[in-house]
N, C-alpha and C. Protein backbone atom coordinates (compact mmCIF):
# COMPACT_ATOMS: atom_id res chain seq x y z
N MET A 1 -19.93 -3.02 -11.20
CA MET A 1 -18.70 -3.95 -11.63
C MET A 1 -18.40 -4.65 -10.23
N PRO A 2 -17.57 -5.91 -10.81
CA PRO A 2 -17.24 -6.90 -9.75
C PRO A 2 -16.59 -6.43 -8.74
N LEU A 3 -16.53 -6.76 -7.47
CA LEU A 3 -15.83 -6.34 -6.53
C LEU A 3 -14.23 -6.75 -6.89
N ALA A 4 -13.69 -7.76 -7.11
CA ALA A 4 -12.28 -8.15 -7.46
C ALA A 4 -11.81 -7.12 -8.57
N VAL A 5 -12.83 -6.68 -9.74
CA VAL A 5 -12.35 -5.83 -10.80
C VAL A 5 -12.00 -4.59 -10.08
N LEU A 6 -12.87 -3.99 -9.28
CA LEU A 6 -12.69 -2.52 -8.25
C LEU A 6 -11.36 -2.76 -7.53
N TYR A 7 -11.59 -3.89 -6.90
CA TYR A 7 -10.43 -3.78 -5.81
C TYR A 7 -8.88 -3.72 -6.78
N ALA A 8 -9.03 -4.61 -7.91
CA ALA A 8 -7.78 -4.59 -8.95
C ALA A 8 -7.49 -3.16 -9.01
N LEU A 9 -8.34 -2.42 -9.49
CA LEU A 9 -8.28 -1.28 -10.04
C LEU A 9 -7.85 0.08 -8.98
N ILE A 10 -8.15 -0.09 -7.54
CA ILE A 10 -7.85 0.56 -6.58
C ILE A 10 -6.19 0.31 -6.57
N ALA A 11 -6.19 -1.12 -6.56
CA ALA A 11 -4.50 -1.61 -6.24
C ALA A 11 -3.61 -0.98 -7.40
N VAL A 12 -4.08 -1.02 -8.45
CA VAL A 12 -3.37 -0.23 -9.58
C VAL A 12 -3.12 1.24 -9.17
N VAL A 13 -3.94 1.97 -9.02
CA VAL A 13 -4.21 3.37 -8.39
C VAL A 13 -3.04 3.81 -7.42
N ALA A 14 -3.27 2.80 -6.55
CA ALA A 14 -2.28 2.94 -4.95
C ALA A 14 -1.15 2.52 -5.52
N THR A 15 -0.63 1.47 -6.57
CA THR A 15 0.57 1.14 -7.24
C THR A 15 1.29 2.00 -7.66
N ALA A 16 0.58 2.93 -8.72
CA ALA A 16 0.94 3.82 -9.17
C ALA A 16 1.63 5.30 -8.41
N ALA A 17 0.63 5.20 -7.55
CA ALA A 17 1.31 6.73 -6.36
C ALA A 17 2.19 5.98 -5.62
N ASN A 18 2.49 5.06 -5.41
CA ASN A 18 3.71 4.39 -4.80
C ASN A 18 4.45 4.73 -5.34
N ILE A 19 4.83 4.11 -6.73
CA ILE A 19 6.14 4.05 -7.60
C ILE A 19 6.11 5.54 -8.13
N GLY A 20 5.12 6.24 -8.14
CA GLY A 20 5.44 7.67 -8.85
C GLY A 20 6.40 8.54 -7.44
N ALA A 21 5.37 8.31 -6.41
CA ALA A 21 6.22 8.86 -4.87
C ALA A 21 7.59 8.61 -5.14
N GLN A 22 7.98 7.37 -5.09
CA GLN A 22 9.27 6.84 -5.16
C GLN A 22 10.34 7.41 -6.13
N ASP A 23 9.45 7.57 -7.49
CA ASP A 23 10.35 7.89 -8.48
C ASP A 23 10.79 9.46 -8.19
N LEU A 24 9.96 10.41 -7.85
CA LEU A 24 10.00 11.67 -7.21
C LEU A 24 10.80 11.78 -6.15
N SER A 25 10.97 10.86 -5.21
CA SER A 25 11.68 11.12 -3.94
C SER A 25 12.94 10.58 -4.82
N ILE A 26 13.00 9.89 -5.54
CA ILE A 26 14.68 9.57 -6.14
C ILE A 26 15.13 10.69 -6.67
N ARG A 27 14.53 11.29 -7.51
CA ARG A 27 15.17 12.46 -8.23
C ARG A 27 15.21 13.69 -7.59
N ALA A 28 14.74 14.01 -6.45
CA ALA A 28 14.75 14.85 -5.34
C ALA A 28 15.84 14.53 -4.16
N TYR A 29 16.26 13.23 -4.09
CA TYR A 29 17.40 13.13 -2.80
C TYR A 29 18.40 12.17 -3.92
N HIS A 30 19.75 12.31 -3.50
CA HIS A 30 20.40 11.55 -4.45
C HIS A 30 21.59 10.80 -3.37
N GLY A 31 21.41 10.91 -1.92
CA GLY A 31 22.25 10.61 -0.75
C GLY A 31 22.26 8.98 -0.63
N ARG A 32 23.20 8.85 0.32
CA ARG A 32 23.38 7.32 0.31
C ARG A 32 22.32 6.59 0.84
N PHE A 33 21.08 7.03 1.48
CA PHE A 33 19.96 6.45 1.78
C PHE A 33 18.79 6.50 0.72
N ALA A 34 19.17 7.00 -0.56
CA ALA A 34 18.02 7.73 -1.44
C ALA A 34 17.15 6.33 -1.52
N ILE A 35 17.38 5.11 -1.89
CA ILE A 35 16.43 4.11 -2.27
C ILE A 35 15.45 3.64 -0.98
N ALA A 36 16.21 3.82 -0.03
CA ALA A 36 15.49 3.35 1.21
C ALA A 36 14.47 4.42 1.68
N ALA A 37 15.06 5.73 1.63
CA ALA A 37 13.96 6.98 1.37
C ALA A 37 12.77 6.82 0.35
N ALA A 38 13.13 6.69 -1.10
CA ALA A 38 12.27 6.46 -1.89
C ALA A 38 10.87 5.65 -1.37
N VAL A 39 11.67 4.35 -1.06
CA VAL A 39 10.83 3.34 -0.72
C VAL A 39 9.65 3.73 0.43
N VAL A 40 10.23 4.28 1.47
CA VAL A 40 9.51 4.90 2.58
C VAL A 40 8.64 5.61 2.19
N VAL A 41 8.73 6.57 1.39
CA VAL A 41 7.87 7.79 0.94
C VAL A 41 6.67 7.09 0.00
N GLY A 42 7.28 6.08 -0.75
CA GLY A 42 6.35 5.62 -1.63
C GLY A 42 5.23 4.82 -1.08
N THR A 43 5.61 3.98 0.04
CA THR A 43 4.98 3.39 1.13
C THR A 43 3.70 4.20 1.76
N GLY A 44 4.59 5.38 2.22
CA GLY A 44 3.49 6.23 3.08
C GLY A 44 2.13 6.75 2.16
N VAL A 45 2.61 7.26 0.59
CA VAL A 45 1.72 7.85 -0.30
C VAL A 45 0.69 6.72 -0.88
N GLY A 46 0.97 5.60 -0.92
CA GLY A 46 0.52 4.31 -1.22
C GLY A 46 -0.44 3.76 -0.28
N LEU A 47 -0.03 3.88 0.92
CA LEU A 47 -0.67 3.23 1.94
C LEU A 47 -2.16 4.49 2.26
N LEU A 48 -1.73 5.88 2.15
CA LEU A 48 -2.80 6.42 2.31
C LEU A 48 -3.94 6.84 1.15
N ALA A 49 -3.37 6.37 0.08
CA ALA A 49 -4.55 6.48 -1.23
C ALA A 49 -5.11 5.09 -0.96
N LYS A 50 -4.22 3.94 -0.97
CA LYS A 50 -5.22 2.82 -0.38
C LYS A 50 -6.41 2.90 0.57
N TYR A 51 -5.65 3.49 1.57
CA TYR A 51 -6.94 3.37 2.84
C TYR A 51 -8.10 4.18 2.23
N VAL A 52 -7.75 5.41 2.01
CA VAL A 52 -9.22 5.98 1.66
C VAL A 52 -9.94 5.36 0.64
N LEU A 53 -9.27 4.79 -0.41
CA LEU A 53 -9.89 4.57 -1.30
C LEU A 53 -10.82 3.04 -0.84
N ASP A 54 -9.99 2.12 -0.53
CA ASP A 54 -10.40 0.84 0.03
C ASP A 54 -12.05 1.42 1.10
N LYS A 55 -11.71 2.20 2.01
CA LYS A 55 -12.67 2.25 3.09
C LYS A 55 -14.13 3.10 2.20
N ARG A 56 -13.60 3.73 1.35
CA ARG A 56 -15.08 3.87 0.49
C ARG A 56 -15.65 3.05 -0.50
N TYR A 57 -14.83 2.59 -1.46
CA TYR A 57 -15.27 1.81 -2.49
C TYR A 57 -15.10 0.15 -2.00
N ILE A 58 -14.21 -0.01 -1.61
CA ILE A 58 -14.33 -1.59 -1.58
C ILE A 58 -15.48 -2.11 0.03
N PHE A 59 -14.96 -1.27 1.17
CA PHE A 59 -16.04 -1.79 2.21
C PHE A 59 -16.83 -0.97 2.65
N ARG A 60 -17.28 0.29 1.68
CA ARG A 60 -18.21 1.27 2.12
C ARG A 60 -18.47 1.24 3.76
N PHE A 61 -17.08 1.70 4.19
CA PHE A 61 -16.94 1.88 5.70
C PHE A 61 -17.16 3.45 6.09
N THR A 62 -18.04 3.76 7.03
CA THR A 62 -17.90 5.34 7.26
C THR A 62 -17.84 5.03 8.96
N ALA A 63 -16.54 5.94 9.48
CA ALA A 63 -16.06 5.84 10.63
C ALA A 63 -17.24 6.75 11.35
N ARG A 64 -17.26 6.80 12.62
CA ARG A 64 -18.37 7.21 13.50
C ARG A 64 -18.14 8.46 13.99
N ASP A 65 -16.78 8.89 13.82
CA ASP A 65 -16.22 10.15 14.17
C ASP A 65 -14.49 10.38 13.67
N SER A 66 -13.78 11.55 14.08
CA SER A 66 -12.34 11.48 13.54
C SER A 66 -11.60 10.42 14.52
N LEU A 67 -12.01 10.20 15.79
CA LEU A 67 -11.25 9.32 16.68
C LEU A 67 -11.41 7.74 15.89
N HIS A 68 -12.43 7.22 15.69
CA HIS A 68 -12.95 5.98 14.98
C HIS A 68 -12.04 5.89 13.86
N ASP A 69 -12.06 6.95 13.05
CA ASP A 69 -11.54 6.98 11.58
C ASP A 69 -9.87 6.52 12.06
N ALA A 70 -9.62 7.27 13.01
CA ALA A 70 -8.19 7.26 13.44
C ALA A 70 -7.85 5.87 13.60
N GLN A 71 -8.62 5.09 14.37
CA GLN A 71 -8.16 3.88 14.99
C GLN A 71 -8.46 2.85 14.10
N THR A 72 -9.24 3.07 12.85
CA THR A 72 -9.39 2.21 12.10
C THR A 72 -8.33 2.19 11.02
N PHE A 73 -7.84 3.50 10.64
CA PHE A 73 -6.71 3.80 9.83
C PHE A 73 -5.27 3.01 10.68
N LEU A 74 -5.30 3.41 11.91
CA LEU A 74 -4.30 2.44 12.54
C LEU A 74 -4.22 0.81 12.85
N LEU A 75 -5.40 0.28 12.88
CA LEU A 75 -5.53 -1.08 12.78
C LEU A 75 -5.07 -1.37 10.84
N TYR A 76 -5.65 -0.72 10.08
CA TYR A 76 -5.40 -0.81 8.77
C TYR A 76 -3.94 -0.88 8.48
N THR A 77 -3.20 0.15 8.95
CA THR A 77 -1.88 0.25 9.00
C THR A 77 -1.27 -0.96 9.67
N ALA A 78 -1.71 -1.43 10.79
CA ALA A 78 -1.15 -2.48 11.52
C ALA A 78 -1.54 -3.80 10.70
N MET A 79 -2.24 -3.94 10.10
CA MET A 79 -2.50 -5.06 9.20
C MET A 79 -1.60 -5.36 7.97
N GLY A 80 -1.19 -4.32 7.67
CA GLY A 80 -0.16 -4.00 6.35
C GLY A 80 1.16 -3.76 6.85
N VAL A 81 1.35 -4.19 8.03
CA VAL A 81 2.98 -4.23 8.28
C VAL A 81 3.68 -5.83 7.56
N ALA A 82 2.96 -6.84 7.81
CA ALA A 82 3.50 -8.31 7.20
C ALA A 82 3.53 -7.91 5.74
N THR A 83 2.11 -7.63 5.16
CA THR A 83 2.05 -7.49 3.64
C THR A 83 3.22 -6.06 3.24
N THR A 84 3.41 -5.50 4.14
CA THR A 84 4.78 -4.28 3.50
C THR A 84 6.11 -4.88 3.41
N LEU A 85 6.63 -5.84 4.39
CA LEU A 85 7.81 -6.38 4.32
C LEU A 85 7.70 -7.03 3.06
N LEU A 86 6.47 -8.08 2.96
CA LEU A 86 6.52 -8.75 1.97
C LEU A 86 6.94 -7.86 0.56
N PHE A 87 6.33 -6.75 0.38
CA PHE A 87 6.81 -5.70 -0.65
C PHE A 87 7.96 -5.30 -0.61
N TRP A 88 8.39 -4.99 0.32
CA TRP A 88 9.96 -4.39 0.35
C TRP A 88 10.86 -5.98 0.23
N GLY A 89 10.83 -6.74 0.43
CA GLY A 89 11.14 -7.98 0.44
C GLY A 89 11.69 -8.39 -1.48
N PHE A 90 10.68 -7.97 -1.86
CA PHE A 90 10.55 -8.12 -3.52
C PHE A 90 11.51 -7.08 -3.88
N GLU A 91 11.01 -5.83 -3.57
CA GLU A 91 11.56 -4.66 -3.77
C GLU A 91 13.42 -4.47 -3.66
N PHE A 92 13.42 -4.67 -2.46
CA PHE A 92 15.01 -4.92 -2.33
C PHE A 92 15.57 -6.21 -2.77
N GLY A 93 15.08 -7.12 -2.94
CA GLY A 93 15.74 -8.45 -3.39
C GLY A 93 16.01 -7.85 -4.79
N PHE A 94 14.89 -7.54 -5.61
CA PHE A 94 15.24 -7.46 -7.17
C PHE A 94 16.29 -6.44 -7.26
N ASP A 95 16.43 -5.27 -6.26
CA ASP A 95 17.32 -4.25 -6.54
C ASP A 95 18.60 -5.17 -6.31
N ARG A 96 18.97 -5.87 -5.31
CA ARG A 96 20.10 -6.57 -4.55
C ARG A 96 20.61 -7.35 -6.04
N VAL A 97 19.57 -8.26 -6.78
CA VAL A 97 20.13 -9.15 -7.61
C VAL A 97 20.24 -8.52 -9.12
N PHE A 98 19.23 -7.49 -9.15
CA PHE A 98 19.56 -7.03 -10.67
C PHE A 98 20.27 -5.83 -10.75
N ALA A 99 20.27 -5.11 -9.72
CA ALA A 99 20.74 -3.45 -9.67
C ALA A 99 20.10 -2.77 -10.33
N THR A 100 19.37 -2.57 -10.83
CA THR A 100 18.58 -1.57 -11.95
C THR A 100 17.43 -1.36 -11.21
N ARG A 101 17.21 -0.14 -11.81
CA ARG A 101 16.17 0.67 -11.37
C ARG A 101 14.71 0.16 -11.73
N GLU A 102 14.75 -0.11 -13.19
CA GLU A 102 13.66 -1.00 -13.66
C GLU A 102 13.28 -2.44 -12.95
N MET A 103 14.51 -3.24 -12.72
CA MET A 103 14.08 -4.36 -12.01
C MET A 103 13.72 -4.35 -10.52
N ARG A 104 14.38 -3.01 -10.06
CA ARG A 104 13.53 -2.96 -8.49
C ARG A 104 12.25 -2.71 -8.57
N TYR A 105 11.55 -1.85 -9.53
CA TYR A 105 10.25 -1.67 -9.73
C TYR A 105 9.34 -2.77 -10.01
N VAL A 106 10.00 -3.62 -10.90
CA VAL A 106 9.43 -4.89 -11.19
C VAL A 106 9.20 -5.34 -9.89
N GLY A 107 10.24 -5.88 -9.10
CA GLY A 107 10.19 -6.35 -7.65
C GLY A 107 8.96 -5.96 -7.02
N ALA A 108 8.99 -4.59 -7.05
CA ALA A 108 7.88 -3.51 -6.28
C ALA A 108 6.43 -4.06 -6.76
N LEU A 109 6.52 -4.06 -7.75
CA LEU A 109 5.02 -4.61 -8.48
C LEU A 109 4.37 -5.91 -8.18
N ILE A 110 5.63 -6.87 -8.31
CA ILE A 110 5.28 -8.39 -7.68
C ILE A 110 4.96 -8.10 -6.04
N GLY A 111 5.83 -7.74 -5.44
CA GLY A 111 5.29 -7.63 -4.16
C GLY A 111 4.37 -6.74 -3.66
N LEU A 112 3.96 -5.88 -4.34
CA LEU A 112 2.71 -5.10 -4.14
C LEU A 112 1.49 -5.71 -4.34
N ALA A 113 1.64 -6.60 -5.60
CA ALA A 113 0.50 -7.29 -6.01
C ALA A 113 0.23 -8.79 -5.07
N LEU A 114 1.06 -9.09 -4.49
CA LEU A 114 1.31 -10.33 -3.77
C LEU A 114 0.51 -9.60 -2.26
N GLY A 115 1.13 -8.54 -1.78
CA GLY A 115 0.75 -7.86 -0.53
C GLY A 115 -0.65 -7.37 -0.35
N TYR A 116 -1.31 -6.85 -1.46
CA TYR A 116 -2.44 -6.55 -1.85
C TYR A 116 -3.50 -7.47 -1.75
N TRP A 117 -3.20 -8.58 -2.11
CA TRP A 117 -3.95 -9.72 -2.41
C TRP A 117 -4.18 -10.33 -0.72
N ALA A 118 -3.11 -10.24 -0.25
CA ALA A 118 -3.54 -10.76 1.50
C ALA A 118 -4.02 -9.66 2.03
N LYS A 119 -3.80 -8.44 1.93
CA LYS A 119 -4.03 -7.26 2.67
C LYS A 119 -5.63 -7.07 2.41
N TYR A 120 -6.09 -7.52 1.55
CA TYR A 120 -7.51 -7.62 1.29
C TYR A 120 -8.32 -8.55 2.43
N HIS A 121 -7.83 -9.76 2.31
CA HIS A 121 -8.35 -10.52 3.18
C HIS A 121 -7.99 -10.24 4.85
N LEU A 122 -7.14 -9.85 4.94
CA LEU A 122 -6.55 -9.36 6.25
C LEU A 122 -7.77 -7.93 6.73
N ASP A 123 -7.88 -6.94 6.05
CA ASP A 123 -8.71 -5.90 6.10
C ASP A 123 -10.60 -6.41 6.09
N LYS A 124 -10.21 -7.48 5.24
CA LYS A 124 -12.22 -7.56 5.12
C LYS A 124 -12.26 -8.56 6.73
N ARG A 125 -11.48 -9.13 7.40
CA ARG A 125 -11.56 -9.89 8.62
C ARG A 125 -11.38 -9.08 10.01
N PHE A 126 -10.31 -8.36 9.86
CA PHE A 126 -10.12 -7.47 10.94
C PHE A 126 -10.22 -6.45 11.06
N VAL A 127 -10.21 -5.41 9.99
CA VAL A 127 -10.08 -4.20 10.20
C VAL A 127 -12.06 -3.45 9.57
N PHE A 128 -12.19 -3.80 8.82
CA PHE A 128 -13.68 -3.38 8.32
C PHE A 128 -14.97 -4.24 8.30
N ARG A 129 -14.66 -5.31 9.62
CA ARG A 129 -15.52 -6.80 9.57
C ARG A 129 -16.92 -6.19 10.03
N THR A 130 -16.99 -4.93 10.49
CA THR A 130 -18.48 -4.88 10.77
C THR A 130 -18.68 -3.15 10.58
N ALA A 131 -19.85 -2.89 10.24
CA ALA A 131 -20.32 -1.42 9.76
C ALA A 131 -20.42 -0.88 11.38
N PRO A 132 -19.98 0.58 11.61
CA PRO A 132 -19.91 0.85 12.79
C PRO A 132 -21.55 1.31 13.28
N THR A 133 -21.81 1.28 14.26
CA THR A 133 -23.34 1.88 14.96
C THR A 133 -23.26 3.27 14.78
N ALA A 134 -24.63 3.70 14.70
CA ALA A 134 -24.89 4.95 14.67
C ALA A 134 -25.22 5.65 16.16
């Protein structure tokens, strides 16, 4: 399977995990910060899913040990800060402009797609650039 297709499939899985976690969060909490809390929960779930899948199937990366894996995850997360801000900008922007749940999710999908495209290039260059030494 071509790498781009595999990456797109993984992005779809991580996006579904993100949006699904957001939806569950919104259903569980209806308070003042419900949308912000849902976005944070969804982002965390999507981040973990994407890291595990990217590490294994896209970059075929094996950490030397738990500490190395934790360091790699922290770097992976750091690379995701800018792309997360892009994603959140679209999601919150669509929520503000259209004020509907459906359009907020459309904004999330657009932001996630753009963010994942950028994230692949950042991860390839800075996070998973070399295989660990034995």
